[in-house]
């Protein structure tokens, strides 16, 4: 009776999973089809994905601008409050 070595197990495992890995890479859908309607749809999907990424980037930039504007507003409100208190003190003398 032969002993099963780790090399034999690794070879057997690769023999089983190689066809699965190859079929998954062939079916990934990243290649352009010869069919014009499929190729056009693939191009449209890529364009829409790019549009979504760009919209997400714009949304993130808008959030950052909003955050900065709120920060400036809060600083201006504090400054207004301080100026009002100073004016009150000057008028009370």
C-alpha atoms as a PDB file:
ATOM      1  CA  UNK A   1       0.000   0.000   0.000  1.00  0.00           C
ATOM      2  CA  UNK A   2       1.431   3.361  -1.023  1.00  0.00           C
ATOM      3  CA  UNK A   3       1.463   6.339   1.245  1.00  0.00           C
ATOM      4  CA  UNK A   4      -0.274   9.441  -0.048  1.00  0.00           C
ATOM      5  CA  UNK A   5       2.169  12.303  -0.026  1.00  0.00           C
ATOM      6  CA  UNK A   6       1.386  15.992   0.147  1.00  0.00           C
ATOM      7  CA  UNK A   7       2.699  16.329  -3.400  1.00  0.00           C
ATOM      8  CA  UNK A   8       0.147  13.799  -4.611  1.00  0.00           C
ATOM      9  CA  UNK A   9      -2.632  15.567  -2.710  1.00  0.00           C
ATOM     10  CA  UNK A  10      -1.625  18.938  -4.160  1.00  0.00           C
ATOM     11  CA  UNK A  11      -1.523  17.498  -7.682  1.00  0.00           C
ATOM     12  CA  UNK A  12      -4.945  15.914  -7.266  1.00  0.00           C
ATOM     13  CA  UNK A  13      -6.414  19.106  -5.880  1.00  0.00           C
ATOM     14  CA  UNK A  14      -5.028  21.164  -8.748  1.00  0.00           C
ATOM     15  CA  UNK A  15      -6.375  18.624 -11.240  1.00  0.00           C
ATOM     16  CA  UNK A  16      -9.845  19.006  -9.753  1.00  0.00           C
ATOM     17  CA  UNK A  17      -9.888  22.802  -9.442  1.00  0.00           C
ATOM     18  CA  UNK A  18      -8.067  23.764 -12.645  1.00  0.00           C
ATOM     19  CA  UNK A  19     -11.108  23.250 -14.907  1.00  0.00           C
ATOM     20  CA  UNK A  20     -13.273  25.255 -12.501  1.00  0.00           C
ATOM     21  CA  UNK A  21     -10.804  28.137 -12.377  1.00  0.00           C
ATOM     22  CA  UNK A  22     -10.446  28.202 -16.166  1.00  0.00           C
ATOM     23  CA  UNK A  23     -14.197  28.157 -16.755  1.00  0.00           C
ATOM     24  CA  UNK A  24     -14.710  31.005 -14.295  1.00  0.00           C
ATOM     25  CA  UNK A  25     -12.104  33.143 -16.025  1.00  0.00           C
ATOM     26  CA  UNK A  26     -13.660  32.409 -19.409  1.00  0.00           C
ATOM     27  CA  UNK A  27     -17.125  33.376 -18.183  1.00  0.00           C
ATOM     28  CA  UNK A  28     -16.104  36.571 -16.411  1.00  0.00           C
ATOM     29  CA  UNK A  29     -17.624  38.724 -19.161  1.00  0.00           C
ATOM     30  CA  UNK A  30     -14.692  41.118 -19.418  1.00  0.00           C
ATOM     31  CA  UNK A  31     -13.962  40.298 -23.042  1.00  0.00           C
ATOM     32  CA  UNK A  32     -15.669  42.032 -25.938  1.00  0.00           C
ATOM     33  CA  UNK A  33     -18.059  39.803 -27.827  1.00  0.00           C
ATOM     34  CA  UNK A  34     -18.144  39.340 -31.588  1.00  0.00           C
ATOM     35  CA  UNK A  35     -21.883  40.032 -31.498  1.00  0.00           C
ATOM     36  CA  UNK A  36     -22.381  43.785 -32.101  1.00  0.00           C
ATOM     37  CA  UNK A  37     -25.413  44.075 -29.831  1.00  0.00           C
ATOM     38  CA  UNK A  38     -23.588  42.328 -26.967  1.00  0.00           C
ATOM     39  CA  UNK A  39     -20.490  44.454 -27.508  1.00  0.00           C
ATOM     40  CA  UNK A  40     -22.612  47.617 -27.526  1.00  0.00           C
ATOM     41  CA  UNK A  41     -24.343  46.566 -24.303  1.00  0.00           C
ATOM     42  CA  UNK A  42     -20.995  45.777 -22.678  1.00  0.00           C
ATOM     43  CA  UNK A  43     -19.733  49.221 -23.678  1.00  0.00           C
ATOM     44  CA  UNK A  44     -22.880  50.838 -22.271  1.00  0.00           C
ATOM     45  CA  UNK A  45     -22.472  48.956 -18.983  1.00  0.00           C
ATOM     46  CA  UNK A  46     -18.846  50.104 -18.725  1.00  0.00           C
ATOM     47  CA  UNK A  47     -19.879  53.693 -19.461  1.00  0.00           C
ATOM     48  CA  UNK A  48     -22.636  53.574 -16.842  1.00  0.00           C
ATOM     49  CA  UNK A  49     -20.273  52.116 -14.245  1.00  0.00           C
ATOM     50  CA  UNK A  50     -17.872  54.974 -14.954  1.00  0.00           C
ATOM     51  CA  UNK A  51     -20.744  57.441 -14.636  1.00  0.00           C
ATOM     52  CA  UNK A  52     -21.712  55.950 -11.271  1.00  0.00           C
ATOM     53  CA  UNK A  53     -18.109  56.177 -10.028  1.00  0.00           C
ATOM     54  CA  UNK A  54     -17.955  59.802 -11.156  1.00  0.00           C
ATOM     55  CA  UNK A  55     -21.286  60.608  -9.480  1.00  0.00           C
ATOM     56  CA  UNK A  56     -20.077  58.990  -6.245  1.00  0.00           C
ATOM     57  CA  UNK A  57     -16.918  61.099  -6.421  1.00  0.00           C
ATOM     58  CA  UNK A  58     -18.972  64.266  -6.982  1.00  0.00           C
ATOM     59  CA  UNK A  59     -21.213  63.328  -4.052  1.00  0.00           C
ATOM     60  CA  UNK A  60     -18.199  62.855  -1.792  1.00  0.00           C
ATOM     61  CA  UNK A  61     -16.761  66.203  -2.894  1.00  0.00           C
ATOM     62  CA  UNK A  62     -20.134  67.849  -2.236  1.00  0.00           C
ATOM     63  CA  UNK A  63     -20.199  66.356   1.277  1.00  0.00           C
ATOM     64  CA  UNK A  64     -16.743  67.767   1.927  1.00  0.00           C
ATOM     65  CA  UNK A  65     -17.798  71.212   0.648  1.00  0.00           C
ATOM     66  CA  UNK A  66     -20.918  71.070   2.819  1.00  0.00           C
ATOM     67  CA  UNK A  67     -18.833  70.132   5.846  1.00  0.00           C
ATOM     68  CA  UNK A  68     -16.439  73.029   5.189  1.00  0.00           C
ATOM     69  CA  UNK A  69     -19.317  75.475   4.703  1.00  0.00           C
ATOM     70  CA  UNK A  70     -20.939  74.373   7.964  1.00  0.00           C
ATOM     71  CA  UNK A  71     -17.618  74.824   9.729  1.00  0.00           C
ATOM     72  CA  UNK A  72     -17.223  78.349   8.305  1.00  0.00           C
ATOM     73  CA  UNK A  73     -20.819  79.162   9.285  1.00  0.00           C
ATOM     74  CA  UNK A  74     -20.259  77.992  12.850  1.00  0.00           C
ATOM     75  CA  UNK A  75     -17.072  80.070  13.087  1.00  0.00           C
ATOM     76  CA  UNK A  76     -18.898  83.115  11.741  1.00  0.00           C
ATOM     77  CA  UNK A  77     -21.721  82.614  14.245  1.00  0.00           C
ATOM     78  CA  UNK A  78     -19.230  82.422  17.131  1.00  0.00           C
ATOM     79  CA  UNK A  79     -17.497  85.548  15.874  1.00  0.00           C
ATOM     80  CA  UNK A  80     -20.850  87.348  15.605  1.00  0.00           C
ATOM     81  CA  UNK A  81     -21.727  86.332  19.140  1.00  0.00           C
ATOM     82  CA  UNK A  82     -18.365  87.593  20.421  1.00  0.00           C
ATOM     83  CA  UNK A  83     -18.767  90.905  18.566  1.00  0.00           C
ATOM     84  CA  UNK A  84     -22.272  91.344  19.931  1.00  0.00           C
ATOM     85  CA  UNK A  85     -20.985  90.771  23.478  1.00  0.00           C
ATOM     86  CA  UNK A  86     -18.170  93.277  22.934  1.00  0.00           C
ATOM     87  CA  UNK A  87     -20.632  95.840  21.607  1.00  0.00           C
ATOM     88  CA  UNK A  88     -22.883  95.235  24.610  1.00  0.00           C
ATOM     89  CA  UNK A  89     -19.984  95.803  27.021  1.00  0.00           C
ATOM     90  CA  UNK A  90     -18.952  99.033  25.258  1.00  0.00           C
ATOM     91  CA  UNK A  91     -22.501 100.353  25.355  1.00  0.00           C
ATOM     92  CA  UNK A  92     -22.900  99.508  29.023  1.00  0.00           C
ATOM     93  CA  UNK A  93     -19.996 101.799  30.080  1.00  0.00           C
END
